């Protein structure tokens, strides 16, 4: 899988982790603002995070954290992400990655193409932008 005769540069565990930290800080700040305005609770954070990850990945292949760290999610075949790819990746895949003692995320540090469990499930890659 190459583009313009350059090999794909897969995004590794640490850079993806940094993107997640950035996204988490953003969502935490938004959730605290919503809680202070009333009618929201701390239980909102996981739902808000899932919605944020789903919508931003569907629209652009990246979240703000991924954009800031130069990471983008692409389909395994290089095509545009479908609703199905994103739905599997950002909901079922992430949930399984987390519930299995976070081993699904850690897998990205050992996989040859740096894919986490949710990437395998959705047939996606996280790549470094050029």
Foldseek 3Di string as FASTA:
>chain_A
DDDPPDDFAFDFLPLVVQLVVVLLVVLVVVQVVVVVVPPGDPVCSVVSSLVQQLVVCLVFQGHVSCVVSQKGKAALVRDRQDNQLSCQLSPVQVVVCVVVVVQQSVVLNVDPRSHGSSCVRSRMTITGHD
